[in-house]
């Protein structure tokens, strides 16, 4: 099964580029930028990756992002992630970035977006990896801050496919960001949002009804609401599930207890993603292989999830069809 999973072209729809920053690269950037980190060594950083919840992870992730200063830093971080994509046969990515994490500490928006975009464009030219960029708002900050960030982003709208909502979920419902999402949609940007990871199913409903999202990031707590489950199935709303992340952040006690297989059996459009792979112990291929083993996913289930990654993407229908045909051709060999 591992050989099949590796051979299949894959899409990743839930990846925070700042969460792909490996400690080794973080220390290299800190050294060249003369930034003092809170940790003395790579080993000390990795020992801190024992999270009790989402917030304990966010605290470390935001601190690590402080090493990012120049356009080259953002390029190097993104290029390193894309090298993992090439190794894992990931052929399409829709990556998140958090501009407020950087603009709040004085890094120009242009520095961030240009470094990320340049690396993505190079990977497209060299390896054929297609991509979209999704700009996320930090939900623990105010909607006014999000609106100001949208203003900064509009001159670069040609590089951005959509907007999302991430960071601390509990206590920050999607409805808090209605105005900025309305405005983003008016500007032609697509919308997604984190909901139903630590937050309740009601947050998923708000994301759908108020933010008008095209897909739900995480969404695993939808299982607590049968009517919501039916709606997600009927409307074919993709869920960008992140199995290793969910275990690392104690959403599930271990991978064998994850509800991904149950959601799939209920007819939901479930996808597999890595979230913040540097912090959660695995890039996309490892998320697939470990989840397959833990849940006993069969070939048909694996192929369905891989297909969902493309059907749930923002790719044009013709491009989706090309990937779906390729998946069938490869699966038939195994």
C-alpha atoms as a PDB file:
ATOM      1  CA  UNK A   1       0.000   0.000   0.000  1.00  0.00           C
ATOM      2  CA  UNK A   2       2.890   2.386   0.734  1.00  0.00           C
ATOM      3  CA  UNK A   3       4.117   1.996  -2.851  1.00  0.00           C
ATOM      4  CA  UNK A   4       0.670   2.846  -4.211  1.00  0.00           C
ATOM      5  CA  UNK A   5       0.329   5.909  -1.995  1.00  0.00           C
ATOM      6  CA  UNK A   6       3.736   7.206  -3.056  1.00  0.00           C
ATOM      7  CA  UNK A   7       3.037   6.572  -6.746  1.00  0.00           C
ATOM      8  CA  UNK A   8      -0.249   8.481  -6.764  1.00  0.00           C
ATOM      9  CA  UNK A   9      -0.131  12.208  -7.579  1.00  0.00           C
ATOM     10  CA  UNK A  10      -1.369  14.094  -4.539  1.00  0.00           C
ATOM     11  CA  UNK A  11      -2.728  17.524  -3.671  1.00  0.00           C
ATOM     12  CA  UNK A  12      -2.238  19.363  -0.381  1.00  0.00           C
ATOM     13  CA  UNK A  13      -4.945  21.849   0.596  1.00  0.00           C
ATOM     14  CA  UNK A  14      -4.101  22.589   4.240  1.00  0.00           C
ATOM     15  CA  UNK A  15      -0.499  23.630   4.753  1.00  0.00           C
ATOM     16  CA  UNK A  16       0.738  26.604   6.769  1.00  0.00           C
ATOM     17  CA  UNK A  17       4.022  27.568   5.173  1.00  0.00           C
ATOM     18  CA  UNK A  18       5.319  29.019   8.468  1.00  0.00           C
ATOM     19  CA  UNK A  19       4.612  25.599  10.008  1.00  0.00           C
ATOM     20  CA  UNK A  20       6.995  23.938   7.569  1.00  0.00           C
ATOM     21  CA  UNK A  21      10.013  25.806   8.960  1.00  0.00           C
ATOM     22  CA  UNK A  22      12.355  23.100  10.227  1.00  0.00           C
ATOM     23  CA  UNK A  23      14.506  23.953  13.286  1.00  0.00           C
ATOM     24  CA  UNK A  24      17.748  23.606  11.317  1.00  0.00           C
ATOM     25  CA  UNK A  25      16.637  26.230   8.801  1.00  0.00           C
ATOM     26  CA  UNK A  26      15.191  28.375  11.587  1.00  0.00           C
ATOM     27  CA  UNK A  27      18.603  28.492  13.304  1.00  0.00           C
ATOM     28  CA  UNK A  28      20.385  29.186  10.010  1.00  0.00           C
ATOM     29  CA  UNK A  29      18.085  32.141   9.348  1.00  0.00           C
ATOM     30  CA  UNK A  30      18.399  33.396  12.927  1.00  0.00           C
ATOM     31  CA  UNK A  31      22.176  33.326  12.565  1.00  0.00           C
ATOM     32  CA  UNK A  32      22.298  35.230   9.284  1.00  0.00           C
ATOM     33  CA  UNK A  33      19.684  37.736  10.516  1.00  0.00           C
ATOM     34  CA  UNK A  34      21.243  38.089  13.994  1.00  0.00           C
ATOM     35  CA  UNK A  35      17.981  37.094  15.701  1.00  0.00           C
ATOM     36  CA  UNK A  36      18.037  35.665  19.222  1.00  0.00           C
ATOM     37  CA  UNK A  37      15.784  32.619  19.538  1.00  0.00           C
ATOM     38  CA  UNK A  38      14.219  31.407  22.769  1.00  0.00           C
ATOM     39  CA  UNK A  39      16.011  28.059  22.354  1.00  0.00           C
ATOM     40  CA  UNK A  40      19.710  27.302  22.410  1.00  0.00           C
ATOM     41  CA  UNK A  41      19.761  24.382  19.969  1.00  0.00           C
ATOM     42  CA  UNK A  42      17.811  22.366  17.426  1.00  0.00           C
ATOM     43  CA  UNK A  43      17.467  19.598  20.002  1.00  0.00           C
ATOM     44  CA  UNK A  44      15.991  21.983  22.554  1.00  0.00           C
ATOM     45  CA  UNK A  45      13.431  23.205  20.009  1.00  0.00           C
ATOM     46  CA  UNK A  46      12.361  19.675  19.133  1.00  0.00           C
ATOM     47  CA  UNK A  47      11.965  18.784  22.812  1.00  0.00           C
ATOM     48  CA  UNK A  48       9.489  21.664  23.089  1.00  0.00           C
ATOM     49  CA  UNK A  49       7.246  20.012  20.484  1.00  0.00           C
ATOM     50  CA  UNK A  50       5.195  18.266  23.159  1.00  0.00           C
ATOM     51  CA  UNK A  51       2.001  20.235  22.826  1.00  0.00           C
ATOM     52  CA  UNK A  52      -0.982  20.038  25.168  1.00  0.00           C
ATOM     53  CA  UNK A  53      -3.328  21.955  22.851  1.00  0.00           C
ATOM     54  CA  UNK A  54      -3.470  24.302  19.868  1.00  0.00           C
ATOM     55  CA  UNK A  55      -2.313  27.363  21.806  1.00  0.00           C
ATOM     56  CA  UNK A  56       0.892  25.749  23.104  1.00  0.00           C
ATOM     57  CA  UNK A  57       1.807  24.960  19.504  1.00  0.00           C
ATOM     58  CA  UNK A  58       0.951  28.458  18.267  1.00  0.00           C
ATOM     59  CA  UNK A  59       3.173  30.062  20.908  1.00  0.00           C
ATOM     60  CA  UNK A  60       6.225  28.151  19.632  1.00  0.00           C
ATOM     61  CA  UNK A  61       5.333  28.545  15.949  1.00  0.00           C
ATOM     62  CA  UNK A  62       4.995  32.325  16.200  1.00  0.00           C
ATOM     63  CA  UNK A  63       8.291  32.554  18.081  1.00  0.00           C
ATOM     64  CA  UNK A  64      10.041  30.523  15.370  1.00  0.00           C
ATOM     65  CA  UNK A  65       8.645  32.778  12.641  1.00  0.00           C
ATOM     66  CA  UNK A  66      10.657  35.612  14.197  1.00  0.00           C
ATOM     67  CA  UNK A  67      13.717  34.265  12.380  1.00  0.00           C
ATOM     68  CA  UNK A  68      12.140  35.211   9.031  1.00  0.00           C
ATOM     69  CA  UNK A  69      13.280  38.647   7.906  1.00  0.00           C
ATOM     70  CA  UNK A  70      14.176  38.874   4.220  1.00  0.00           C
ATOM     71  CA  UNK A  71      12.524  37.859   0.966  1.00  0.00           C
ATOM     72  CA  UNK A  72      15.215  35.193   0.663  1.00  0.00           C
ATOM     73  CA  UNK A  73      14.152  33.729   4.024  1.00  0.00           C
ATOM     74  CA  UNK A  74      10.579  33.304   2.805  1.00  0.00           C
ATOM     75  CA  UNK A  75      11.880  31.877  -0.454  1.00  0.00           C
ATOM     76  CA  UNK A  76      14.134  29.372   1.325  1.00  0.00           C
ATOM     77  CA  UNK A  77      11.378  28.249   3.700  1.00  0.00           C
ATOM     78  CA  UNK A  78       8.923  27.701   0.836  1.00  0.00           C
ATOM     79  CA  UNK A  79      11.516  26.012  -1.369  1.00  0.00           C
ATOM     80  CA  UNK A  80      12.358  23.583   1.439  1.00  0.00           C
ATOM     81  CA  UNK A  81       8.687  22.615   1.750  1.00  0.00           C
ATOM     82  CA  UNK A  82       8.391  22.158  -2.008  1.00  0.00           C
ATOM     83  CA  UNK A  83      11.393  19.814  -2.022  1.00  0.00           C
ATOM     84  CA  UNK A  84       9.380  17.573   0.320  1.00  0.00           C
ATOM     85  CA  UNK A  85       6.462  17.842  -2.108  1.00  0.00           C
ATOM     86  CA  UNK A  86       8.646  16.636  -4.964  1.00  0.00           C
ATOM     87  CA  UNK A  87       9.856  13.681  -2.861  1.00  0.00           C
ATOM     88  CA  UNK A  88       6.276  12.822  -1.828  1.00  0.00           C
ATOM     89  CA  UNK A  89       4.836  13.196  -5.369  1.00  0.00           C
ATOM     90  CA  UNK A  90       2.653  16.143  -4.355  1.00  0.00           C
ATOM     91  CA  UNK A  91       1.686  17.765  -7.645  1.00  0.00           C
ATOM     92  CA  UNK A  92      -0.623  20.569  -6.475  1.00  0.00           C
ATOM     93  CA  UNK A  93      -0.486  22.733  -3.350  1.00  0.00           C
ATOM     94  CA  UNK A  94      -2.747  25.442  -1.969  1.00  0.00           C
ATOM     95  CA  UNK A  95      -0.663  26.907   0.806  1.00  0.00           C
ATOM     96  CA  UNK A  96      -1.607  29.251   3.630  1.00  0.00           C
ATOM     97  CA  UNK A  97       0.507  32.130   4.837  1.00  0.00           C
ATOM     98  CA  UNK A  98      -0.074  34.440   7.811  1.00  0.00           C
ATOM     99  CA  UNK A  99       0.946  37.988   6.845  1.00  0.00           C
ATOM    100  CA  UNK A 100       0.025  39.454  10.242  1.00  0.00           C
ATOM    101  CA  UNK A 101       2.639  37.241  11.905  1.00  0.00           C
ATOM    102  CA  UNK A 102       5.199  39.210   9.912  1.00  0.00           C
ATOM    103  CA  UNK A 103       3.720  42.678   9.304  1.00  0.00           C
ATOM    104  CA  UNK A 104       3.033  43.040  13.051  1.00  0.00           C
ATOM    105  CA  UNK A 105       6.815  42.858  13.580  1.00  0.00           C
ATOM    106  CA  UNK A 106       7.655  45.280  10.802  1.00  0.00           C
ATOM    107  CA  UNK A 107       8.235  42.962   7.841  1.00  0.00           C
ATOM    108  CA  UNK A 108       6.721  44.470   4.663  1.00  0.00           C
ATOM    109  CA  UNK A 109       3.868  42.517   3.052  1.00  0.00           C
ATOM    110  CA  UNK A 110       5.767  42.553  -0.252  1.00  0.00           C
ATOM    111  CA  UNK A 111       8.773  40.811   1.338  1.00  0.00           C
ATOM    112  CA  UNK A 112       6.576  37.944   2.479  1.00  0.00           C
ATOM    113  CA  UNK A 113       4.433  37.377  -0.606  1.00  0.00           C
ATOM    114  CA  UNK A 114       7.247  37.855  -3.109  1.00  0.00           C
ATOM    115  CA  UNK A 115       9.546  35.335  -1.427  1.00  0.00           C
ATOM    116  CA  UNK A 116       6.793  32.714  -1.160  1.00  0.00           C
ATOM    117  CA  UNK A 117       5.540  33.267  -4.701  1.00  0.00           C
ATOM    118  CA  UNK A 118       9.002  33.156  -6.258  1.00  0.00           C
ATOM    119  CA  UNK A 119       9.716  29.749  -4.690  1.00  0.00           C
ATOM    120  CA  UNK A 120       6.350  28.385  -5.841  1.00  0.00           C
ATOM    121  CA  UNK A 121       6.919  29.659  -9.362  1.00  0.00           C
ATOM    122  CA  UNK A 122      10.378  28.091  -9.483  1.00  0.00           C
ATOM    123  CA  UNK A 123       8.967  24.721  -8.346  1.00  0.00           C
ATOM    124  CA  UNK A 124       6.281  24.971 -10.994  1.00  0.00           C
ATOM    125  CA  UNK A 125       8.879  25.649 -13.683  1.00  0.00           C
ATOM    126  CA  UNK A 126      11.307  22.955 -12.489  1.00  0.00           C
ATOM    127  CA  UNK A 127       9.007  20.189 -11.247  1.00  0.00           C
ATOM    128  CA  UNK A 128       5.547  20.955 -12.602  1.00  0.00           C
ATOM    129  CA  UNK A 129       4.007  21.500  -9.161  1.00  0.00           C
ATOM    130  CA  UNK A 130       0.960  23.733  -9.553  1.00  0.00           C
ATOM    131  CA  UNK A 131      -0.074  26.067  -6.771  1.00  0.00           C
ATOM    132  CA  UNK A 132      -2.379  28.670  -5.286  1.00  0.00           C
ATOM    133  CA  UNK A 133      -1.674  30.992  -2.356  1.00  0.00           C
ATOM    134  CA  UNK A 134      -4.270  31.557   0.368  1.00  0.00           C
ATOM    135  CA  UNK A 135      -3.802  34.454   2.780  1.00  0.00           C
ATOM    136  CA  UNK A 136      -5.043  33.729   6.298  1.00  0.00           C
ATOM    137  CA  UNK A 137      -6.214  36.171   8.954  1.00  0.00           C
ATOM    138  CA  UNK A 138      -5.219  35.513  12.565  1.00  0.00           C
ATOM    139  CA  UNK A 139      -8.461  35.093  14.468  1.00  0.00           C
ATOM    140  CA  UNK A 140      -7.000  36.052  17.858  1.00  0.00           C
ATOM    141  CA  UNK A 141      -6.446  39.543  16.435  1.00  0.00           C
ATOM    142  CA  UNK A 142      -9.231  42.018  15.681  1.00  0.00           C
ATOM    143  CA  UNK A 143     -11.295  42.212  12.526  1.00  0.00           C
ATOM    144  CA  UNK A 144      -9.918  45.725  12.085  1.00  0.00           C
ATOM    145  CA  UNK A 145      -6.428  44.235  11.866  1.00  0.00           C
ATOM    146  CA  UNK A 146      -7.707  41.750   9.284  1.00  0.00           C
ATOM    147  CA  UNK A 147      -9.281  44.554   7.245  1.00  0.00           C
ATOM    148  CA  UNK A 148      -6.000  46.485   7.305  1.00  0.00           C
ATOM    149  CA  UNK A 149      -4.178  43.347   6.157  1.00  0.00           C
ATOM    150  CA  UNK A 150      -6.619  42.936   3.281  1.00  0.00           C
ATOM    151  CA  UNK A 151      -5.817  46.516   2.249  1.00  0.00           C
ATOM    152  CA  UNK A 152      -2.120  45.631   2.196  1.00  0.00           C
ATOM    153  CA  UNK A 153      -2.838  42.521   0.117  1.00  0.00           C
ATOM    154  CA  UNK A 154      -4.997  44.037  -2.617  1.00  0.00           C
ATOM    155  CA  UNK A 155      -2.063  45.318  -4.727  1.00  0.00           C
ATOM    156  CA  UNK A 156      -0.904  41.677  -4.827  1.00  0.00           C
ATOM    157  CA  UNK A 157      -4.356  40.216  -5.482  1.00  0.00           C
ATOM    158  CA  UNK A 158      -3.123  38.654  -8.721  1.00  0.00           C
ATOM    159  CA  UNK A 159      -0.907  36.353  -6.611  1.00  0.00           C
ATOM    160  CA  UNK A 160      -3.585  35.358  -4.083  1.00  0.00           C
ATOM    161  CA  UNK A 161      -6.389  32.864  -4.762  1.00  0.00           C
ATOM    162  CA  UNK A 162      -8.339  33.234  -1.551  1.00  0.00           C
ATOM    163  CA  UNK A 163      -8.451  34.118   2.128  1.00  0.00           C
ATOM    164  CA  UNK A 164      -8.663  31.884   5.174  1.00  0.00           C
ATOM    165  CA  UNK A 165      -8.988  32.065   8.937  1.00  0.00           C
ATOM    166  CA  UNK A 166      -6.588  30.371  11.354  1.00  0.00           C
ATOM    167  CA  UNK A 167      -4.882  30.631  14.768  1.00  0.00           C
ATOM    168  CA  UNK A 168      -6.659  30.245  18.132  1.00  0.00           C
ATOM    169  CA  UNK A 169     -10.138  28.884  17.417  1.00  0.00           C
ATOM    170  CA  UNK A 170     -11.902  28.765  20.784  1.00  0.00           C
ATOM    171  CA  UNK A 171     -13.476  32.092  21.679  1.00  0.00           C
ATOM    172  CA  UNK A 172     -12.997  33.512  18.176  1.00  0.00           C
ATOM    173  CA  UNK A 173     -16.003  32.412  16.080  1.00  0.00           C
ATOM    174  CA  UNK A 174     -16.056  32.874  12.310  1.00  0.00           C
ATOM    175  CA  UNK A 175     -18.815  35.488  12.686  1.00  0.00           C
ATOM    176  CA  UNK A 176     -16.194  37.832  14.178  1.00  0.00           C
ATOM    177  CA  UNK A 177     -14.786  38.225  10.649  1.00  0.00           C
ATOM    178  CA  UNK A 178     -17.957  38.679   8.572  1.00  0.00           C
ATOM    179  CA  UNK A 179     -17.072  42.131   7.198  1.00  0.00           C
ATOM    180  CA  UNK A 180     -13.563  41.238   6.039  1.00  0.00           C
ATOM    181  CA  UNK A 181     -14.735  38.025   4.366  1.00  0.00           C
ATOM    182  CA  UNK A 182     -17.586  39.890   2.651  1.00  0.00           C
ATOM    183  CA  UNK A 183     -15.077  42.393   1.328  1.00  0.00           C
ATOM    184  CA  UNK A 184     -12.647  39.680   0.230  1.00  0.00           C
ATOM    185  CA  UNK A 185     -15.398  37.954  -1.741  1.00  0.00           C
ATOM    186  CA  UNK A 186     -16.347  41.281  -3.332  1.00  0.00           C
ATOM    187  CA  UNK A 187     -12.718  41.494  -4.484  1.00  0.00           C
ATOM    188  CA  UNK A 188     -13.068  38.099  -6.188  1.00  0.00           C
ATOM    189  CA  UNK A 189     -11.183  36.053  -3.596  1.00  0.00           C
ATOM    190  CA  UNK A 190     -12.369  32.585  -2.589  1.00  0.00           C
ATOM    191  CA  UNK A 191     -12.910  31.797   1.098  1.00  0.00           C
ATOM    192  CA  UNK A 192     -11.967  28.965   3.451  1.00  0.00           C
ATOM    193  CA  UNK A 193     -11.768  28.827   7.245  1.00  0.00           C
ATOM    194  CA  UNK A 194     -10.527  26.673  10.103  1.00  0.00           C
ATOM    195  CA  UNK A 195     -13.553  25.443  12.021  1.00  0.00           C
ATOM    196  CA  UNK A 196     -14.470  22.453  14.135  1.00  0.00           C
ATOM    197  CA  UNK A 197     -10.956  21.462  15.231  1.00  0.00           C
ATOM    198  CA  UNK A 198     -11.059  22.628  18.852  1.00  0.00           C
ATOM    199  CA  UNK A 199     -14.115  24.811  18.281  1.00  0.00           C
ATOM    200  CA  UNK A 200     -17.684  23.406  18.251  1.00  0.00           C
ATOM    201  CA  UNK A 201     -19.768  22.311  15.240  1.00  0.00           C
ATOM    202  CA  UNK A 202     -21.534  25.688  15.452  1.00  0.00           C
ATOM    203  CA  UNK A 203     -18.325  27.282  14.174  1.00  0.00           C
ATOM    204  CA  UNK A 204     -18.527  25.122  11.036  1.00  0.00           C
ATOM    205  CA  UNK A 205     -22.084  26.358  10.436  1.00  0.00           C
ATOM    206  CA  UNK A 206     -20.958  29.964  10.883  1.00  0.00           C
ATOM    207  CA  UNK A 207     -18.105  29.431   8.419  1.00  0.00           C
ATOM    208  CA  UNK A 208     -20.574  28.109   5.853  1.00  0.00           C
ATOM    209  CA  UNK A 209     -23.422  30.564   6.445  1.00  0.00           C
ATOM    210  CA  UNK A 210     -21.580  33.782   7.347  1.00  0.00           C
ATOM    211  CA  UNK A 211     -18.177  33.498   5.684  1.00  0.00           C
ATOM    212  CA  UNK A 212     -19.559  31.507   2.696  1.00  0.00           C
ATOM    213  CA  UNK A 213     -16.537  29.201   2.664  1.00  0.00           C
ATOM    214  CA  UNK A 214     -15.891  26.836  -0.226  1.00  0.00           C
ATOM    215  CA  UNK A 215     -14.307  24.272   2.090  1.00  0.00           C
ATOM    216  CA  UNK A 216     -13.752  23.739   5.814  1.00  0.00           C
ATOM    217  CA  UNK A 217     -10.266  23.355   7.256  1.00  0.00           C
ATOM    218  CA  UNK A 218     -10.230  20.521   9.818  1.00  0.00           C
ATOM    219  CA  UNK A 219     -13.979  20.195  10.475  1.00  0.00           C
ATOM    220  CA  UNK A 220     -13.611  16.912  12.367  1.00  0.00           C
ATOM    221  CA  UNK A 221     -16.071  17.907  15.106  1.00  0.00           C
ATOM    222  CA  UNK A 222     -18.876  17.921  12.531  1.00  0.00           C
ATOM    223  CA  UNK A 223     -19.466  14.339  13.670  1.00  0.00           C
ATOM    224  CA  UNK A 224     -21.158  15.710  16.792  1.00  0.00           C
ATOM    225  CA  UNK A 225     -24.016  17.132  14.673  1.00  0.00           C
ATOM    226  CA  UNK A 226     -25.889  14.713  12.381  1.00  0.00           C
ATOM    227  CA  UNK A 227     -27.726  17.488  10.524  1.00  0.00           C
ATOM    228  CA  UNK A 228     -24.426  19.217   9.820  1.00  0.00           C
ATOM    229  CA  UNK A 229     -22.918  15.955   8.599  1.00  0.00           C
ATOM    230  CA  UNK A 230     -25.798  15.547   6.147  1.00  0.00           C
ATOM    231  CA  UNK A 231     -25.385  19.120   4.949  1.00  0.00           C
ATOM    232  CA  UNK A 232     -21.641  18.694   4.361  1.00  0.00           C
ATOM    233  CA  UNK A 233     -22.348  15.532   2.392  1.00  0.00           C
ATOM    234  CA  UNK A 234     -25.213  16.973   0.357  1.00  0.00           C
ATOM    235  CA  UNK A 235     -23.327  20.177  -0.482  1.00  0.00           C
ATOM    236  CA  UNK A 236     -20.067  18.288  -1.124  1.00  0.00           C
ATOM    237  CA  UNK A 237     -18.105  20.635   1.142  1.00  0.00           C
ATOM    238  CA  UNK A 238     -14.495  19.389   1.334  1.00  0.00           C
ATOM    239  CA  UNK A 239     -12.901  18.917   4.760  1.00  0.00           C
ATOM    240  CA  UNK A 240      -9.132  19.419   4.866  1.00  0.00           C
ATOM    241  CA  UNK A 241      -8.312  16.939   7.619  1.00  0.00           C
ATOM    242  CA  UNK A 242      -4.829  16.821   9.181  1.00  0.00           C
ATOM    243  CA  UNK A 243      -4.446  13.466  10.978  1.00  0.00           C
ATOM    244  CA  UNK A 244      -0.974  13.739  12.544  1.00  0.00           C
ATOM    245  CA  UNK A 245      -1.706  17.299  13.609  1.00  0.00           C
ATOM    246  CA  UNK A 246      -4.960  16.224  15.262  1.00  0.00           C
ATOM    247  CA  UNK A 247      -3.115  13.654  17.358  1.00  0.00           C
ATOM    248  CA  UNK A 248      -0.232  15.975  18.220  1.00  0.00           C
ATOM    249  CA  UNK A 249      -2.686  18.650  19.432  1.00  0.00           C
ATOM    250  CA  UNK A 250      -4.785  16.137  21.423  1.00  0.00           C
ATOM    251  CA  UNK A 251      -7.907  16.441  19.262  1.00  0.00           C
ATOM    252  CA  UNK A 252      -7.747  12.628  19.195  1.00  0.00           C
ATOM    253  CA  UNK A 253      -5.813  10.510  21.733  1.00  0.00           C
ATOM    254  CA  UNK A 254      -4.121   8.474  19.001  1.00  0.00           C
ATOM    255  CA  UNK A 255      -4.386   7.919  15.269  1.00  0.00           C
ATOM    256  CA  UNK A 256      -6.411   4.718  15.640  1.00  0.00           C
ATOM    257  CA  UNK A 257      -9.164   6.771  17.291  1.00  0.00           C
ATOM    258  CA  UNK A 258      -9.335   9.330  14.473  1.00  0.00           C
ATOM    259  CA  UNK A 259     -12.748   9.719  12.833  1.00  0.00           C
ATOM    260  CA  UNK A 260     -11.465  10.168   9.259  1.00  0.00           C
ATOM    261  CA  UNK A 261     -12.602   6.714   8.135  1.00  0.00           C
ATOM    262  CA  UNK A 262     -16.064   7.211   9.657  1.00  0.00           C
ATOM    263  CA  UNK A 263     -16.443  10.584   7.942  1.00  0.00           C
ATOM    264  CA  UNK A 264     -15.404   9.024   4.638  1.00  0.00           C
ATOM    265  CA  UNK A 265     -17.917   6.192   5.099  1.00  0.00           C
ATOM    266  CA  UNK A 266     -20.648   8.774   5.691  1.00  0.00           C
ATOM    267  CA  UNK A 267     -19.960  10.206   2.243  1.00  0.00           C
ATOM    268  CA  UNK A 268     -18.086  13.358   3.227  1.00  0.00           C
ATOM    269  CA  UNK A 269     -15.393  14.811   0.953  1.00  0.00           C
ATOM    270  CA  UNK A 270     -12.460  14.076   3.258  1.00  0.00           C
ATOM    271  CA  UNK A 271      -8.911  15.047   2.282  1.00  0.00           C
ATOM    272  CA  UNK A 272      -5.573  14.369   3.999  1.00  0.00           C
ATOM    273  CA  UNK A 273      -3.083  17.157   4.685  1.00  0.00           C
ATOM    274  CA  UNK A 274      -0.039  17.891   6.865  1.00  0.00           C
ATOM    275  CA  UNK A 275      -1.000  21.268   8.449  1.00  0.00           C
ATOM    276  CA  UNK A 276       2.321  22.283  10.102  1.00  0.00           C
ATOM    277  CA  UNK A 277       4.625  19.377   9.194  1.00  0.00           C
ATOM    278  CA  UNK A 278       7.784  20.584  10.920  1.00  0.00           C
ATOM    279  CA  UNK A 279       5.958  20.669  14.244  1.00  0.00           C
ATOM    280  CA  UNK A 280       3.609  17.704  13.863  1.00  0.00           C
ATOM    281  CA  UNK A 281       5.990  15.002  12.718  1.00  0.00           C
ATOM    282  CA  UNK A 282       5.304  14.439   9.063  1.00  0.00           C
ATOM    283  CA  UNK A 283       4.767  15.824   5.578  1.00  0.00           C
ATOM    284  CA  UNK A 284       1.922  14.705   3.333  1.00  0.00           C
ATOM    285  CA  UNK A 285       3.166  11.234   2.404  1.00  0.00           C
ATOM    286  CA  UNK A 286       3.686  10.305   6.062  1.00  0.00           C
ATOM    287  CA  UNK A 287       0.193  11.553   6.928  1.00  0.00           C
ATOM    288  CA  UNK A 288      -1.199   9.214   4.277  1.00  0.00           C
ATOM    289  CA  UNK A 289       0.854   6.142   5.142  1.00  0.00           C
ATOM    290  CA  UNK A 290       0.448   6.414   8.921  1.00  0.00           C
ATOM    291  CA  UNK A 291      -3.288   7.065   8.639  1.00  0.00           C
ATOM    292  CA  UNK A 292      -3.755   4.165   6.239  1.00  0.00           C
ATOM    293  CA  UNK A 293      -2.063   1.782   8.653  1.00  0.00           C
ATOM    294  CA  UNK A 294      -3.745   3.088  11.804  1.00  0.00           C
ATOM    295  CA  UNK A 295      -7.267   3.021  10.363  1.00  0.00           C
ATOM    296  CA  UNK A 296      -6.845   0.042   8.056  1.00  0.00           C
ATOM    297  CA  UNK A 297      -7.839   1.997   4.977  1.00  0.00           C
ATOM    298  CA  UNK A 298      -8.238  -0.210   1.914  1.00  0.00           C
ATOM    299  CA  UNK A 299      -7.143   0.613  -1.620  1.00  0.00           C
ATOM    300  CA  UNK A 300     -10.511   2.045  -2.644  1.00  0.00           C
ATOM    301  CA  UNK A 301     -10.585   4.325   0.392  1.00  0.00           C
ATOM    302  CA  UNK A 302      -7.053   5.568  -0.187  1.00  0.00           C
ATOM    303  CA  UNK A 303      -7.790   6.294  -3.858  1.00  0.00           C
ATOM    304  CA  UNK A 304     -11.005   8.111  -2.908  1.00  0.00           C
ATOM    305  CA  UNK A 305      -9.161  10.362  -0.427  1.00  0.00           C
ATOM    306  CA  UNK A 306      -6.420  11.133  -2.942  1.00  0.00           C
ATOM    307  CA  UNK A 307      -9.054  12.006  -5.542  1.00  0.00           C
ATOM    308  CA  UNK A 308     -10.828  14.205  -3.002  1.00  0.00           C
ATOM    309  CA  UNK A 309      -7.653  16.251  -2.699  1.00  0.00           C
ATOM    310  CA  UNK A 310      -7.980  17.281  -6.338  1.00  0.00           C
ATOM    311  CA  UNK A 311     -11.781  17.496  -6.547  1.00  0.00           C
ATOM    312  CA  UNK A 312     -11.731  19.681  -3.403  1.00  0.00           C
ATOM    313  CA  UNK A 313      -9.050  21.961  -4.824  1.00  0.00           C
ATOM    314  CA  UNK A 314      -9.551  25.276  -6.607  1.00  0.00           C
ATOM    315  CA  UNK A 315      -8.098  23.926  -9.845  1.00  0.00           C
ATOM    316  CA  UNK A 316     -10.130  24.362 -13.056  1.00  0.00           C
ATOM    317  CA  UNK A 317     -12.409  21.409 -13.815  1.00  0.00           C
ATOM    318  CA  UNK A 318     -10.363  20.332 -16.825  1.00  0.00           C
ATOM    319  CA  UNK A 319      -7.187  20.147 -14.736  1.00  0.00           C
ATOM    320  CA  UNK A 320      -9.005  18.218 -12.003  1.00  0.00           C
ATOM    321  CA  UNK A 321     -10.172  15.724 -14.632  1.00  0.00           C
ATOM    322  CA  UNK A 322      -6.595  15.213 -15.827  1.00  0.00           C
ATOM    323  CA  UNK A 323      -5.401  14.369 -12.318  1.00  0.00           C
ATOM    324  CA  UNK A 324      -8.382  12.104 -11.584  1.00  0.00           C
ATOM    325  CA  UNK A 325      -7.726  10.146 -14.782  1.00  0.00           C
ATOM    326  CA  UNK A 326      -4.044   9.809 -13.886  1.00  0.00           C
ATOM    327  CA  UNK A 327      -4.963   8.503 -10.417  1.00  0.00           C
ATOM    328  CA  UNK A 328      -7.193   5.821 -11.938  1.00  0.00           C
ATOM    329  CA  UNK A 329      -4.457   4.789 -14.365  1.00  0.00           C
ATOM    330  CA  UNK A 330      -1.870   4.426 -11.609  1.00  0.00           C
ATOM    331  CA  UNK A 331      -4.237   2.707  -9.182  1.00  0.00           C
ATOM    332  CA  UNK A 332      -5.067   0.089 -11.841  1.00  0.00           C
ATOM    333  CA  UNK A 333      -1.428  -1.047 -11.781  1.00  0.00           C
ATOM    334  CA  UNK A 334      -1.548  -1.984  -8.082  1.00  0.00           C
END
